[in-house]
């Protein structure tokens, strides 16, 4: 089989799979709504990480200090 024939067959297979995926994530939100949702999630994540670090259970603080002391 020539390479061109395989390429055409692969393109057909890819085109057949494309409609199954759809056009990505369409959650029905506008760009501003999505931005606000993401900002809120990021704030919650950083607050949770800060609380874990303050209680001594955060491994992120331990790894950053251990890297600094190794140098």
C-alpha atoms as a PDB file:
ATOM      1  CA  UNK A   1       0.000   0.000   0.000  1.00  0.00           C
ATOM      2  CA  UNK A   2       1.308   3.413  -0.825  1.00  0.00           C
ATOM      3  CA  UNK A   3       1.617   6.058   1.803  1.00  0.00           C
ATOM      4  CA  UNK A   4      -0.886   8.310   0.034  1.00  0.00           C
ATOM      5  CA  UNK A   5      -3.631   5.704   0.295  1.00  0.00           C
ATOM      6  CA  UNK A   6      -3.020   5.247   4.000  1.00  0.00           C
ATOM      7  CA  UNK A   7      -3.099   9.001   4.514  1.00  0.00           C
ATOM      8  CA  UNK A   8      -6.481   9.267   2.796  1.00  0.00           C
ATOM      9  CA  UNK A   9      -7.882   6.417   4.849  1.00  0.00           C
ATOM     10  CA  UNK A  10      -6.635   8.020   8.085  1.00  0.00           C
ATOM     11  CA  UNK A  11      -8.261  11.318   7.123  1.00  0.00           C
ATOM     12  CA  UNK A  12     -11.583   9.549   6.538  1.00  0.00           C
ATOM     13  CA  UNK A  13     -11.352   7.846   9.921  1.00  0.00           C
ATOM     14  CA  UNK A  14     -10.511  11.118  11.642  1.00  0.00           C
ATOM     15  CA  UNK A  15     -13.442  12.853   9.956  1.00  0.00           C
ATOM     16  CA  UNK A  16     -15.762  10.074  11.094  1.00  0.00           C
ATOM     17  CA  UNK A  17     -14.616  10.467  14.709  1.00  0.00           C
ATOM     18  CA  UNK A  18     -14.836  14.288  14.758  1.00  0.00           C
ATOM     19  CA  UNK A  19     -18.647  14.640  15.041  1.00  0.00           C
ATOM     20  CA  UNK A  20     -18.691  12.272  18.010  1.00  0.00           C
ATOM     21  CA  UNK A  21     -16.526  14.653  20.032  1.00  0.00           C
ATOM     22  CA  UNK A  22     -18.501  17.761  19.250  1.00  0.00           C
ATOM     23  CA  UNK A  23     -17.068  21.235  19.271  1.00  0.00           C
ATOM     24  CA  UNK A  24     -15.388  21.078  22.647  1.00  0.00           C
ATOM     25  CA  UNK A  25     -16.883  22.137  25.917  1.00  0.00           C
ATOM     26  CA  UNK A  26     -20.016  24.194  25.472  1.00  0.00           C
ATOM     27  CA  UNK A  27     -21.367  24.874  28.935  1.00  0.00           C
ATOM     28  CA  UNK A  28     -23.758  27.629  27.863  1.00  0.00           C
ATOM     29  CA  UNK A  29     -21.855  30.383  29.634  1.00  0.00           C
ATOM     30  CA  UNK A  30     -20.631  33.651  28.233  1.00  0.00           C
ATOM     31  CA  UNK A  31     -16.961  34.517  28.406  1.00  0.00           C
ATOM     32  CA  UNK A  32     -17.551  36.831  31.380  1.00  0.00           C
ATOM     33  CA  UNK A  33     -19.519  34.199  33.277  1.00  0.00           C
ATOM     34  CA  UNK A  34     -16.845  31.615  32.605  1.00  0.00           C
ATOM     35  CA  UNK A  35     -14.127  34.016  33.746  1.00  0.00           C
ATOM     36  CA  UNK A  36     -15.978  34.724  37.009  1.00  0.00           C
ATOM     37  CA  UNK A  37     -16.548  31.008  37.626  1.00  0.00           C
ATOM     38  CA  UNK A  38     -12.903  30.201  37.015  1.00  0.00           C
ATOM     39  CA  UNK A  39     -11.701  33.069  39.216  1.00  0.00           C
ATOM     40  CA  UNK A  40     -13.915  31.877  42.068  1.00  0.00           C
ATOM     41  CA  UNK A  41     -12.645  28.311  41.716  1.00  0.00           C
ATOM     42  CA  UNK A  42      -9.044  29.537  41.709  1.00  0.00           C
ATOM     43  CA  UNK A  43      -9.612  31.628  44.849  1.00  0.00           C
ATOM     44  CA  UNK A  44     -11.136  28.639  46.625  1.00  0.00           C
ATOM     45  CA  UNK A  45      -8.226  26.467  45.565  1.00  0.00           C
ATOM     46  CA  UNK A  46      -5.600  28.935  46.795  1.00  0.00           C
ATOM     47  CA  UNK A  47      -7.466  29.460  50.071  1.00  0.00           C
ATOM     48  CA  UNK A  48      -7.605  25.711  50.621  1.00  0.00           C
ATOM     49  CA  UNK A  49      -3.910  25.379  49.838  1.00  0.00           C
ATOM     50  CA  UNK A  50      -3.024  28.255  52.171  1.00  0.00           C
ATOM     51  CA  UNK A  51      -5.091  26.724  54.963  1.00  0.00           C
ATOM     52  CA  UNK A  52      -3.364  23.387  54.505  1.00  0.00           C
ATOM     53  CA  UNK A  53       0.050  25.047  54.566  1.00  0.00           C
ATOM     54  CA  UNK A  54      -0.837  27.038  57.687  1.00  0.00           C
ATOM     55  CA  UNK A  55      -1.920  23.909  59.518  1.00  0.00           C
ATOM     56  CA  UNK A  56       1.338  22.181  58.703  1.00  0.00           C
ATOM     57  CA  UNK A  57      -0.241  19.619  56.434  1.00  0.00           C
ATOM     58  CA  UNK A  58       0.729  21.333  53.196  1.00  0.00           C
ATOM     59  CA  UNK A  59       3.387  19.436  51.320  1.00  0.00           C
ATOM     60  CA  UNK A  60       3.898  22.309  48.870  1.00  0.00           C
ATOM     61  CA  UNK A  61       5.648  24.405  51.504  1.00  0.00           C
ATOM     62  CA  UNK A  62       7.812  21.484  52.575  1.00  0.00           C
ATOM     63  CA  UNK A  63       8.993  20.740  49.057  1.00  0.00           C
ATOM     64  CA  UNK A  64       9.803  24.360  48.296  1.00  0.00           C
ATOM     65  CA  UNK A  65      11.911  24.748  51.454  1.00  0.00           C
ATOM     66  CA  UNK A  66      13.681  21.464  50.919  1.00  0.00           C
ATOM     67  CA  UNK A  67      14.634  22.513  47.404  1.00  0.00           C
ATOM     68  CA  UNK A  68      15.950  25.806  48.700  1.00  0.00           C
ATOM     69  CA  UNK A  69      18.103  24.119  51.347  1.00  0.00           C
ATOM     70  CA  UNK A  70      19.553  21.610  48.878  1.00  0.00           C
ATOM     71  CA  UNK A  71      21.072  24.334  46.731  1.00  0.00           C
END
